[in-house]
PDB file of N, CA and C in Angstrom:
ATOM      1  N   MET A   1     108.255 100.953  71.394  1.00  0.00           N
ATOM      2  CA  MET A   1     108.149 100.456  72.754  1.00  0.00           C
ATOM      3  C   MET A   1     109.544 100.194  73.308  1.00  0.00           C
ATOM      4  N   ASN A   2     109.715 100.460  74.606  1.00  0.00           N
ATOM      5  CA  ASN A   2     111.026 100.240  75.212  1.00  0.00           C
ATOM      6  C   ASN A   2     111.158  98.805  75.715  1.00  0.00           C
ATOM      7  N   PRO A   3     112.357  98.368  76.064  1.00  0.00           N
ATOM      8  CA  PRO A   3     112.573  96.975  76.493  1.00  0.00           C
ATOM      9  C   PRO A   3     111.737  96.558  77.716  1.00  0.00           C
ATOM     10  N   VAL A   4     111.514  97.471  78.663  1.00  0.00           N
ATOM     11  CA  VAL A   4     110.717  97.120  79.848  1.00  0.00           C
ATOM     12  C   VAL A   4     109.269  96.871  79.442  1.00  0.00           C
ATOM     13  N   GLU A   5     108.725  97.703  78.580  1.00  0.00           N
ATOM     14  CA  GLU A   5     107.351  97.507  78.117  1.00  0.00           C
ATOM     15  C   GLU A   5     107.217  96.206  77.327  1.00  0.00           C
ATOM     16  N   ASN A   6     108.217  95.870  76.513  1.00  0.00           N
ATOM     17  CA  ASN A   6     108.217  94.592  75.794  1.00  0.00           C
ATOM     18  C   ASN A   6     108.233  93.418  76.771  1.00  0.00           C
ATOM     19  N   PHE A   7     109.025  93.537  77.838  1.00  0.00           N
ATOM     20  CA  PHE A   7     109.088  92.506  78.869  1.00  0.00           C
ATOM     21  C   PHE A   7     107.701  92.297  79.484  1.00  0.00           C
ATOM     22  N   ILE A   8     107.022  93.381  79.808  1.00  0.00           N
ATOM     23  CA  ILE A   8     105.698  93.301  80.431  1.00  0.00           C
ATOM     24  C   ILE A   8     104.712  92.602  79.506  1.00  0.00           C
ATOM     25  N   LEU A   9     104.747  92.924  78.212  1.00  0.00           N
ATOM     26  CA  LEU A   9     103.807  92.343  77.257  1.00  0.00           C
ATOM     27  C   LEU A   9     104.012  90.845  77.046  1.00  0.00           C
ATOM     28  N   LYS A  10     105.191  90.326  77.383  1.00  0.00           N
ATOM     29  CA  LYS A  10     105.457  88.895  77.240  1.00  0.00           C
ATOM     30  C   LYS A  10     104.775  88.059  78.321  1.00  0.00           C
ATOM     31  N   HIS A  11     104.302  88.710  79.374  1.00  0.00           N
ATOM     32  CA  HIS A  11     103.645  87.993  80.465  1.00  0.00           C
ATOM     33  C   HIS A  11     102.133  88.043  80.282  1.00  0.00           C
ATOM     34  N   LYS A  12     101.431  87.181  80.969  1.00  0.00           N
ATOM     35  CA  LYS A  12      99.987  87.058  80.781  1.00  0.00           C
ATOM     36  C   LYS A  12      99.235  87.251  82.096  1.00  0.00           C
ATOM     37  N   GLY A  13      97.968  87.547  81.981  1.00  0.00           N
ATOM     38  CA  GLY A  13      97.048  87.557  83.111  1.00  0.00           C
ATOM     39  C   GLY A  13      97.406  88.525  84.217  1.00  0.00           C
ATOM     40  N   ALA A  14      97.215  88.048  85.453  1.00  0.00           N
ATOM     41  CA  ALA A  14      97.436  88.884  86.637  1.00  0.00           C
ATOM     42  C   ALA A  14      98.879  89.356  86.729  1.00  0.00           C
ATOM     43  N   GLN A  15      99.809  88.528  86.295  1.00  0.00           N
ATOM     44  CA  GLN A  15     101.215  88.914  86.355  1.00  0.00           C
ATOM     45  C   GLN A  15     101.479  90.114  85.440  1.00  0.00           C
ATOM     46  N   GLN A  16     100.915  90.114  84.249  1.00  0.00           N
ATOM     47  CA  GLN A  16     101.071  91.240  83.337  1.00  0.00           C
ATOM     48  C   GLN A  16     100.411  92.495  83.909  1.00  0.00           C
ATOM     49  N   GLU A  17      99.226  92.345  84.512  1.00  0.00           N
ATOM     50  CA  GLU A  17      98.541  93.488  85.118  1.00  0.00           C
ATOM     51  C   GLU A  17      99.381  94.102  86.232  1.00  0.00           C
ATOM     52  N   LEU A  18      99.960  93.254  87.081  1.00  0.00           N
ATOM     53  CA  LEU A  18     100.806  93.743  88.168  1.00  0.00           C
ATOM     54  C   LEU A  18     102.047  94.448  87.630  1.00  0.00           C
ATOM     55  N   LEU A  19     102.695  93.834  86.664  1.00  0.00           N
ATOM     56  CA  LEU A  19     103.894  94.435  86.066  1.00  0.00           C
ATOM     57  C   LEU A  19     103.579  95.804  85.477  1.00  0.00           C
ATOM     58  N   ALA A  20     102.497  95.901  84.713  1.00  0.00           N
ATOM     59  CA  ALA A  20     102.135  97.165  84.074  1.00  0.00           C
ATOM     60  C   ALA A  20     101.771  98.220  85.113  1.00  0.00           C
ATOM     61  N   PHE A  21     100.982  97.835  86.104  1.00  0.00           N
ATOM     62  CA  PHE A  21     100.564  98.783  87.135  1.00  0.00           C
ATOM     63  C   PHE A  21     101.768  99.304  87.918  1.00  0.00           C
ATOM     64  N   LEU A  22     102.630  98.394  88.373  1.00  0.00           N
ATOM     65  CA  LEU A  22     103.785  98.812  89.174  1.00  0.00           C
ATOM     66  C   LEU A  22     104.793  99.597  88.334  1.00  0.00           C
ATOM     67  N   HIS A  23     104.969  99.225  87.087  1.00  0.00           N
ATOM     68  CA  HIS A  23     105.843  99.976  86.192  1.00  0.00           C
ATOM     69  C   HIS A  23     105.381 101.436  86.125  1.00  0.00           C
ATOM     70  N   ASP A  24     104.105 101.640  85.881  1.00  0.00           N
ATOM     71  CA  ASP A  24     103.566 103.005  85.819  1.00  0.00           C
ATOM     72  C   ASP A  24     103.666 103.711  87.167  1.00  0.00           C
ATOM     73  N   HIS A  25     103.353 102.994  88.229  1.00  0.00           N
ATOM     74  CA  HIS A  25     103.372 103.587  89.570  1.00  0.00           C
ATOM     75  C   HIS A  25     104.793 104.023  89.956  1.00  0.00           C
ATOM     76  N   LEU A  26     105.761 103.188  89.684  1.00  0.00           N
ATOM     77  CA  LEU A  26     107.148 103.505  90.025  1.00  0.00           C
ATOM     78  C   LEU A  26     107.691 104.634  89.157  1.00  0.00           C
ATOM     79  N   LYS A  27     107.283 104.687  87.898  1.00  0.00           N
ATOM     80  CA  LYS A  27     107.690 105.800  87.041  1.00  0.00           C
ATOM     81  C   LYS A  27     107.093 107.110  87.554  1.00  0.00           C
ATOM     82  N   ARG A  28     105.829 107.089  87.975  1.00  0.00           N
ATOM     83  CA  ARG A  28     105.201 108.304  88.516  1.00  0.00           C
ATOM     84  C   ARG A  28     105.898 108.757  89.791  1.00  0.00           C
ATOM     85  N   ALA A  29     106.514 107.836  90.513  1.00  0.00           N
ATOM     86  CA  ALA A  29     107.256 108.180  91.730  1.00  0.00           C
ATOM     87  C   ALA A  29     108.624 108.780  91.403  1.00  0.00           C
ATOM     88  N   GLY A  30     108.952 108.858  90.113  1.00  0.00           N
ATOM     89  CA  GLY A  30     110.204 109.481  89.698  1.00  0.00           C
ATOM     90  C   GLY A  30     111.327 108.509  89.396  1.00  0.00           C
ATOM     91  N   LEU A  31     111.044 107.203  89.447  1.00  0.00           N
ATOM     92  CA  LEU A  31     112.083 106.214  89.165  1.00  0.00           C
ATOM     93  C   LEU A  31     112.206 105.980  87.664  1.00  0.00           C
ATOM     94  N   LYS A  32     113.412 105.627  87.250  1.00  0.00           N
ATOM     95  CA  LYS A  32     113.680 105.359  85.842  1.00  0.00           C
ATOM     96  C   LYS A  32     113.778 103.844  85.645  1.00  0.00           C
ATOM     97  N   PRO A  33     112.976 103.293  84.712  1.00  0.00           N
ATOM     98  CA  PRO A  33     113.029 101.853  84.464  1.00  0.00           C
ATOM     99  C   PRO A  33     114.125 101.480  83.464  1.00  0.00           C
ATOM    100  N   LYS A  34     114.672 100.307  83.676  1.00  0.00           N
ATOM    101  CA  LYS A  34     115.673  99.780  82.757  1.00  0.00           C
ATOM    102  C   LYS A  34     115.639  98.264  82.862  1.00  0.00           C
ATOM    103  N   LEU A  35     115.748  97.581  81.746  1.00  0.00           N
ATOM    104  CA  LEU A  35     115.817  96.132  81.769  1.00  0.00           C
ATOM    105  C   LEU A  35     117.263  95.747  82.042  1.00  0.00           C
ATOM    106  N   ALA A  36     117.503  95.077  83.166  1.00  0.00           N
ATOM    107  CA  ALA A  36     118.846  94.648  83.542  1.00  0.00           C
ATOM    108  C   ALA A  36     118.740  93.264  84.166  1.00  0.00           C
ATOM    109  N   TYR A  37     119.687  92.415  83.890  1.00  0.00           N
ATOM    110  CA  TYR A  37     119.675  91.041  84.401  1.00  0.00           C
ATOM    111  C   TYR A  37     118.388  90.329  83.993  1.00  0.00           C
ATOM    112  N   GLY A  38     117.783  90.750  82.894  1.00  0.00           N
ATOM    113  CA  GLY A  38     116.593  90.107  82.364  1.00  0.00           C
ATOM    114  C   GLY A  38     115.286  90.482  83.049  1.00  0.00           C
ATOM    115  N   ILE A  39     115.311  91.481  83.944  1.00  0.00           N
ATOM    116  CA  ILE A  39     114.101  91.906  84.647  1.00  0.00           C
ATOM    117  C   ILE A  39     114.053  93.437  84.725  1.00  0.00           C
ATOM    118  N   PRO A  40     112.864  94.010  84.951  1.00  0.00           N
ATOM    119  CA  PRO A  40     112.769  95.464  85.092  1.00  0.00           C
ATOM    120  C   PRO A  40     113.362  95.944  86.416  1.00  0.00           C
ATOM    121  N   MET A  41     114.331  96.830  86.311  1.00  0.00           N
ATOM    122  CA  MET A  41     114.968  97.453  87.470  1.00  0.00           C
ATOM    123  C   MET A  41     114.593  98.932  87.445  1.00  0.00           C
ATOM    124  N   PHE A  42     114.430  99.509  88.640  1.00  0.00           N
ATOM    125  CA  PHE A  42     114.050 100.914  88.743  1.00  0.00           C
ATOM    126  C   PHE A  42     115.072 101.630  89.599  1.00  0.00           C
ATOM    127  N   TYR A  43     115.514 102.779  89.133  1.00  0.00           N
ATOM    128  CA  TYR A  43     116.559 103.480  89.857  1.00  0.00           C
ATOM    129  C   TYR A  43     116.299 104.976  89.943  1.00  0.00           C
ATOM    130  N   GLY A  44     116.926 105.564  90.958  1.00  0.00           N
ATOM    131  CA  GLY A  44     116.997 107.001  91.133  1.00  0.00           C
ATOM    132  C   GLY A  44     118.448 107.338  90.890  1.00  0.00           C
ATOM    133  N   LYS A  45     119.195 107.592  91.974  1.00  0.00           N
ATOM    134  CA  LYS A  45     120.647 107.741  91.861  1.00  0.00           C
ATOM    135  C   LYS A  45     121.288 106.356  91.745  1.00  0.00           C
ATOM    136  N   LYS A  46     120.739 105.398  92.494  1.00  0.00           N
ATOM    137  CA  LYS A  46     121.193 103.999  92.485  1.00  0.00           C
ATOM    138  C   LYS A  46     119.976 103.116  92.272  1.00  0.00           C
ATOM    139  N   TRP A  47     120.211 101.789  92.154  1.00  0.00           N
ATOM    140  CA  TRP A  47     119.088 100.863  92.020  1.00  0.00           C
ATOM    141  C   TRP A  47     118.230 100.947  93.273  1.00  0.00           C
ATOM    142  N   ILE A  48     116.934 101.082  93.091  1.00  0.00           N
ATOM    143  CA  ILE A  48     115.986 101.159  94.204  1.00  0.00           C
ATOM    144  C   ILE A  48     115.255  99.828  94.366  1.00  0.00           C
ATOM    145  N   CYS A  49     114.672  99.347  93.261  1.00  0.00           N
ATOM    146  CA  CYS A  49     113.867  98.128  93.350  1.00  0.00           C
ATOM    147  C   CYS A  49     113.808  97.445  91.986  1.00  0.00           C
ATOM    148  N   TYR A  50     113.256  96.246  91.992  1.00  0.00           N
ATOM    149  CA  TYR A  50     113.041  95.518  90.744  1.00  0.00           C
ATOM    150  C   TYR A  50     111.802  94.661  90.848  1.00  0.00           C
ATOM    151  N   LEU A  51     111.290  94.263  89.681  1.00  0.00           N
ATOM    152  CA  LEU A  51     110.113  93.415  89.588  1.00  0.00           C
ATOM    153  C   LEU A  51     110.543  92.070  89.024  1.00  0.00           C
ATOM    154  N   LYS A  52     110.261  91.003  89.779  1.00  0.00           N
ATOM    155  CA  LYS A  52     110.673  89.670  89.344  1.00  0.00           C
ATOM    156  C   LYS A  52     109.465  88.749  89.281  1.00  0.00           C
ATOM    157  N   PRO A  53     109.053  88.362  88.069  1.00  0.00           N
ATOM    158  CA  PRO A  53     107.958  87.402  87.943  1.00  0.00           C
ATOM    159  C   PRO A  53     108.381  86.031  88.456  1.00  0.00           C
ATOM    160  N   ASN A  54     107.464  85.358  89.139  1.00  0.00           N
ATOM    161  CA  ASN A  54     107.725  84.021  89.662  1.00  0.00           C
ATOM    162  C   ASN A  54     106.962  82.983  88.852  1.00  0.00           C
ATOM    163  N   LYS A  55     107.424  81.746  88.905  1.00  0.00           N
ATOM    164  CA  LYS A  55     106.796  80.670  88.144  1.00  0.00           C
ATOM    165  C   LYS A  55     105.347  80.416  88.557  1.00  0.00           C
ATOM    166  N   ASP A  56     105.000  80.718  89.816  1.00  0.00           N
ATOM    167  CA  ASP A  56     103.634  80.486  90.287  1.00  0.00           C
ATOM    168  C   ASP A  56     102.690  81.642  89.933  1.00  0.00           C
ATOM    169  N   GLN A  57     103.111  82.493  88.997  1.00  0.00           N
ATOM    170  CA  GLN A  57     102.348  83.642  88.509  1.00  0.00           C
ATOM    171  C   GLN A  57     102.280  84.808  89.491  1.00  0.00           C
ATOM    172  N   SER A  58     102.989  84.717  90.615  1.00  0.00           N
ATOM    173  CA  SER A  58     103.080  85.854  91.524  1.00  0.00           C
ATOM    174  C   SER A  58     104.221  86.755  91.036  1.00  0.00           C
ATOM    175  N   LEU A  59     104.438  87.841  91.755  1.00  0.00           N
ATOM    176  CA  LEU A  59     105.451  88.812  91.375  1.00  0.00           C
ATOM    177  C   LEU A  59     106.144  89.305  92.631  1.00  0.00           C
ATOM    178  N   ASP A  60     107.465  89.343  92.614  1.00  0.00           N
ATOM    179  CA  ASP A  60     108.230  89.929  93.716  1.00  0.00           C
ATOM    180  C   ASP A  60     108.527  91.388  93.401  1.00  0.00           C
ATOM    181  N   LEU A  61     108.186  92.270  94.333  1.00  0.00           N
ATOM    182  CA  LEU A  61     108.648  93.646  94.297  1.00  0.00           C
ATOM    183  C   LEU A  61     109.764  93.695  95.319  1.00  0.00           C
ATOM    184  N   SER A  62     110.995  93.776  94.849  1.00  0.00           N
ATOM    185  CA  SER A  62     112.172  93.671  95.716  1.00  0.00           C
ATOM    186  C   SER A  62     112.912  94.994  95.797  1.00  0.00           C
ATOM    187  N   PHE A  63     113.372  95.312  97.001  1.00  0.00           N
ATOM    188  CA  PHE A  63     114.113  96.544  97.250  1.00  0.00           C
ATOM    189  C   PHE A  63     115.569  96.186  97.493  1.00  0.00           C
ATOM    190  N   THR A  64     116.461  96.760  96.673  1.00  0.00           N
ATOM    191  CA  THR A  64     117.856  96.340  96.644  1.00  0.00           C
ATOM    192  C   THR A  64     118.665  96.756  97.865  1.00  0.00           C
ATOM    193  N   ARG A  65     118.264  97.805  98.554  1.00  0.00           N
ATOM    194  CA  ARG A  65     119.029  98.261  99.722  1.00  0.00           C
ATOM    195  C   ARG A  65     118.172  98.225 100.977  1.00  0.00           C
ATOM    196  N   ALA A  66     117.289  97.255 101.065  1.00  0.00           N
ATOM    197  CA  ALA A  66     116.347  97.171 102.182  1.00  0.00           C
ATOM    198  C   ALA A  66     117.052  97.001 103.525  1.00  0.00           C
ATOM    199  N   HIS A  67     118.260  96.473 103.503  1.00  0.00           N
ATOM    200  CA  HIS A  67     119.002  96.304 104.753  1.00  0.00           C
ATOM    201  C   HIS A  67     119.446  97.645 105.341  1.00  0.00           C
ATOM    202  N   GLN A  68     119.343  98.727 104.540  1.00  0.00           N
ATOM    203  CA  GLN A  68     119.815 100.033 104.981  1.00  0.00           C
ATOM    204  C   GLN A  68     118.698 100.983 105.410  1.00  0.00           C
ATOM    205  N   PHE A  69     117.447 100.548 105.299  1.00  0.00           N
ATOM    206  CA  PHE A  69     116.352 101.377 105.780  1.00  0.00           C
ATOM    207  C   PHE A  69     115.357 100.516 106.543  1.00  0.00           C
ATOM    208  N   GLU A  70     114.606 101.164 107.401  1.00  0.00           N
ATOM    209  CA  GLU A  70     113.622 100.439 108.195  1.00  0.00           C
ATOM    210  C   GLU A  70     112.318 100.330 107.419  1.00  0.00           C
ATOM    211  N   ASP A  71     111.784  99.125 107.371  1.00  0.00           N
ATOM    212  CA  ASP A  71     110.509  98.881 106.704  1.00  0.00           C
ATOM    213  C   ASP A  71     109.386  99.382 107.606  1.00  0.00           C
ATOM    214  N   PRO A  72     108.711 100.461 107.227  1.00  0.00           N
ATOM    215  CA  PRO A  72     107.670 101.016 108.087  1.00  0.00           C
ATOM    216  C   PRO A  72     106.413 100.151 108.156  1.00  0.00           C
ATOM    217  N   THR A  73     106.310  99.153 107.277  1.00  0.00           N
ATOM    218  CA  THR A  73     105.096  98.332 107.209  1.00  0.00           C
ATOM    219  C   THR A  73     105.268  96.935 107.801  1.00  0.00           C
ATOM    220  N   GLY A  74     106.499  96.457 107.846  1.00  0.00           N
ATOM    221  CA  GLY A  74     106.742  95.088 108.297  1.00  0.00           C
ATOM    222  C   GLY A  74     106.396  94.039 107.253  1.00  0.00           C
ATOM    223  N   LEU A  75     106.116  94.454 106.020  1.00  0.00           N
ATOM    224  CA  LEU A  75     105.721  93.506 104.975  1.00  0.00           C
ATOM    225  C   LEU A  75     106.890  92.908 104.194  1.00  0.00           C
ATOM    226  N   LEU A  76     108.024  93.579 104.211  1.00  0.00           N
ATOM    227  CA  LEU A  76     109.159  93.075 103.439  1.00  0.00           C
ATOM    228  C   LEU A  76     109.726  91.808 104.078  1.00  0.00           C
ATOM    229  N   GLU A  77     110.065  90.852 103.230  1.00  0.00           N
ATOM    230  CA  GLU A  77     110.632  89.579 103.676  1.00  0.00           C
ATOM    231  C   GLU A  77     112.048  89.448 103.147  1.00  0.00           C
ATOM    232  N   ARG A  78     112.952  89.026 104.015  1.00  0.00           N
ATOM    233  CA  ARG A  78     114.355  88.837 103.598  1.00  0.00           C
ATOM    234  C   ARG A  78     114.559  87.491 102.903  1.00  0.00           C
ATOM    235  N   ARG A  79     113.922  86.472 103.359  1.00  0.00           N
ATOM    236  CA  ARG A  79     114.038  85.109 102.800  1.00  0.00           C
ATOM    237  C   ARG A  79     115.490  84.664 102.656  1.00  0.00           C
ATOM    238  N   GLY A  80     116.272  84.902 103.715  1.00  0.00           N
ATOM    239  CA  GLY A  80     117.657  84.457 103.742  1.00  0.00           C
ATOM    240  C   GLY A  80     118.632  85.355 103.006  1.00  0.00           C
ATOM    241  N   ARG A  81     118.164  86.454 102.486  1.00  0.00           N
ATOM    242  CA  ARG A  81     119.047  87.376 101.761  1.00  0.00           C
ATOM    243  C   ARG A  81     119.555  88.447 102.720  1.00  0.00           C
ATOM    244  N   ARG A  82     120.753  88.921 102.496  1.00  0.00           N
ATOM    245  CA  ARG A  82     121.363  89.907 103.394  1.00  0.00           C
ATOM    246  C   ARG A  82     120.936  91.338 103.082  1.00  0.00           C
ATOM    247  N   GLN A  83     120.865  91.696 101.828  1.00  0.00           N
ATOM    248  CA  GLN A  83     120.608  93.084 101.456  1.00  0.00           C
ATOM    249  C   GLN A  83     119.203  93.313 100.921  1.00  0.00           C
ATOM    250  N   ILE A  84     118.712  92.406 100.135  1.00  0.00           N
ATOM    251  CA  ILE A  84     117.438  92.575  99.429  1.00  0.00           C
ATOM    252  C   ILE A  84     116.289  92.000 100.241  1.00  0.00           C
ATOM    253  N   SER A  85     115.185  92.733 100.247  1.00  0.00           N
ATOM    254  CA  SER A  85     113.931  92.261 100.832  1.00  0.00           C
ATOM    255  C   SER A  85     112.834  92.498  99.818  1.00  0.00           C
ATOM    256  N   SER A  86     111.789  91.676  99.891  1.00  0.00           N
ATOM    257  CA  SER A  86     110.735  91.811  98.895  1.00  0.00           C
ATOM    258  C   SER A  86     109.364  91.521  99.483  1.00  0.00           C
ATOM    259  N   ILE A  87     108.374  91.889  98.704  1.00  0.00           N
ATOM    260  CA  ILE A  87     106.990  91.600  99.021  1.00  0.00           C
ATOM    261  C   ILE A  87     106.431  90.825  97.830  1.00  0.00           C
ATOM    262  N   VAL A  88     105.699  89.760  98.102  1.00  0.00           N
ATOM    263  CA  VAL A  88     105.115  88.942  97.045  1.00  0.00           C
ATOM    264  C   VAL A  88     103.705  89.451  96.765  1.00  0.00           C
ATOM    265  N   LEU A  89     103.448  89.702  95.489  1.00  0.00           N
ATOM    266  CA  LEU A  89     102.146  90.206  95.060  1.00  0.00           C
ATOM    267  C   LEU A  89     101.498  89.188  94.128  1.00  0.00           C
ATOM    268  N   ARG A  90     100.186  89.020  94.263  1.00  0.00           N
ATOM    269  CA  ARG A  90      99.492  88.009  93.465  1.00  0.00           C
ATOM    270  C   ARG A  90      98.482  88.587  92.472  1.00  0.00           C
ATOM    271  N   ASP A  91      97.840  89.698  92.818  1.00  0.00           N
ATOM    272  CA  ASP A  91      96.876  90.315  91.906  1.00  0.00           C
ATOM    273  C   ASP A  91      96.631  91.764  92.306  1.00  0.00           C
ATOM    274  N   LEU A  92      96.049  92.513  91.390  1.00  0.00           N
ATOM    275  CA  LEU A  92      95.803  93.944  91.634  1.00  0.00           C
ATOM    276  C   LEU A  92      94.800  94.183  92.760  1.00  0.00           C
ATOM    277  N   GLU A  93      93.849  93.273  92.922  1.00  0.00           N
ATOM    278  CA  GLU A  93      92.806  93.456  93.926  1.00  0.00           C
ATOM    279  C   GLU A  93      93.351  93.453  95.353  1.00  0.00           C
ATOM    280  N   THR A  94      94.446  92.747  95.582  1.00  0.00           N
ATOM    281  CA  THR A  94      94.987  92.626  96.944  1.00  0.00           C
ATOM    282  C   THR A  94      96.303  93.387  97.140  1.00  0.00           C
ATOM    283  N   ILE A  95      96.672  94.197  96.174  1.00  0.00           N
ATOM    284  CA  ILE A  95      97.941  94.915  96.277  1.00  0.00           C
ATOM    285  C   ILE A  95      97.866  95.957  97.407  1.00  0.00           C
ATOM    286  N   PRO A  96      98.815  95.916  98.342  1.00  0.00           N
ATOM    287  CA  PRO A  96      98.812  96.886  99.451  1.00  0.00           C
ATOM    288  C   PRO A  96      99.508  98.184  99.040  1.00  0.00           C
ATOM    289  N   LEU A  97      98.838  98.969  98.223  1.00  0.00           N
ATOM    290  CA  LEU A  97      99.453 100.141  97.609  1.00  0.00           C
ATOM    291  C   LEU A  97      99.950 101.153  98.631  1.00  0.00           C
ATOM    292  N   GLU A  98      99.192 101.384  99.682  1.00  0.00           N
ATOM    293  CA  GLU A  98      99.616 102.343 100.696  1.00  0.00           C
ATOM    294  C   GLU A  98     100.916 101.879 101.364  1.00  0.00           C
ATOM    295  N   ALA A  99     100.997 100.588 101.662  1.00  0.00           N
ATOM    296  CA  ALA A  99     102.214 100.032 102.272  1.00  0.00           C
ATOM    297  C   ALA A  99     103.394 100.116 101.306  1.00  0.00           C
ATOM    298  N   ILE A 100     103.150  99.819 100.034  1.00  0.00           N
ATOM    299  CA  ILE A 100     104.215  99.909  99.036  1.00  0.00           C
ATOM    300  C   ILE A 100     104.727 101.343  98.956  1.00  0.00           C
ATOM    301  N   ASP A 101     103.818 102.300  98.999  1.00  0.00           N
ATOM    302  CA  ASP A 101     104.231 103.701  98.953  1.00  0.00           C
ATOM    303  C   ASP A 101     105.064 104.088 100.176  1.00  0.00           C
ATOM    304  N   GLN A 102     104.735 103.550 101.338  1.00  0.00           N
ATOM    305  CA  GLN A 102     105.518 103.838 102.544  1.00  0.00           C
ATOM    306  C   GLN A 102     106.925 103.255 102.428  1.00  0.00           C
ATOM    307  N   ILE A 103     107.015 102.032 101.911  1.00  0.00           N
ATOM    308  CA  ILE A 103     108.323 101.398 101.717  1.00  0.00           C
ATOM    309  C   ILE A 103     109.119 102.179 100.677  1.00  0.00           C
ATOM    310  N   LEU A 104     108.455 102.551  99.598  1.00  0.00           N
ATOM    311  CA  LEU A 104     109.101 103.310  98.539  1.00  0.00           C
ATOM    312  C   LEU A 104     109.611 104.648  99.055  1.00  0.00           C
ATOM    313  N   GLU A 105     108.847 105.287  99.904  1.00  0.00           N
ATOM    314  CA  GLU A 105     109.275 106.563 100.493  1.00  0.00           C
ATOM    315  C   GLU A 105     110.561 106.387 101.305  1.00  0.00           C
ATOM    316  N   ALA A 106     110.645 105.309 102.080  1.00  0.00           N
ATOM    317  CA  ALA A 106     111.859 105.035 102.858  1.00  0.00           C
ATOM    318  C   ALA A 106     113.042 104.757 101.938  1.00  0.00           C
ATOM    319  N   ALA A 107     112.796 104.001 100.866  1.00  0.00           N
ATOM    320  CA  ALA A 107     113.870 103.680  99.906  1.00  0.00           C
ATOM    321  C   ALA A 107     114.336 104.928  99.173  1.00  0.00           C
ATOM    322  N   LEU A 108     113.408 105.800  98.821  1.00  0.00           N
ATOM    323  CA  LEU A 108     113.769 107.036  98.129  1.00  0.00           C
ATOM    324  C   LEU A 108     114.535 107.992  99.041  1.00  0.00           C
ATOM    325  N   ALA A 109     114.171 108.021 100.316  1.00  0.00           N
ATOM    326  CA  ALA A 109     114.901 108.867 101.278  1.00  0.00           C
ATOM    327  C   ALA A 109     116.348 108.400 101.384  1.00  0.00           C
ATOM    328  N   LEU A 110     116.560 107.093 101.411  1.00  0.00           N
ATOM    329  CA  LEU A 110     117.918 106.547 101.453  1.00  0.00           C
ATOM    330  C   LEU A 110     118.673 106.899 100.164  1.00  0.00           C
ATOM    331  N   ASP A 111     118.009 106.765  99.047  1.00  0.00           N
ATOM    332  CA  ASP A 111     118.642 107.071  97.755  1.00  0.00           C
ATOM    333  C   ASP A 111     119.036 108.538  97.674  1.00  0.00           C
ATOM    334  N   ALA A 112     118.224 109.416  98.223  1.00  0.00           N
ATOM    335  CA  ALA A 112     118.522 110.844  98.193  1.00  0.00           C
ATOM    336  C   ALA A 112     119.794 111.183  98.973  1.00  0.00           C
ATOM    337  N   LYS A 113     120.115 110.369  99.969  1.00  0.00           N
ATOM    338  CA  LYS A 113     121.323 110.589 100.779  1.00  0.00           C
ATOM    339  C   LYS A 113     122.587 110.077 100.083  1.00  0.00           C
ATOM    340  N   SER A 114     122.408 109.257  99.048  1.00  0.00           N
ATOM    341  CA  SER A 114     123.546 108.627  98.357  1.00  0.00           C
ATOM    342  C   SER A 114     124.346 109.620  97.557  1.00  0.00           C
TER     343      SER A 114
END
C-alpha cells in the first residue's frame, strides 16, 4: 500500500469514505497522488488540489491555484486565503460530484497551460 492509501485507512466513517472516493476519482481524472505536508496532494504538472480532513469529521477539497481560474459553480470558498479555495464535504450522499468535476476541469485547463 502507498502512503496516501495508508493515510486514508487511518480515518474512520464518512471521512474515510470521502477520502477513498475522492482519491479514486482524482486518480481517474489523471492526477497523481502524493502525501505531502501530512495530507494527500494531487498534481498534474503542478499541485492541483489536496484533501484535508477536519476535526468535525468533514473534509476540505482545496484547489491550490483557485485564484487563477474562475469557479464555474460558485461553490469554492476562499475563507480569507489569497490563493487557495475549497469546498467542505460531509458525506458521500451529498457530494456535488458534477460541480467538483466542473471545478476540476477548470483547474486542469490551467495546469495544462503551465
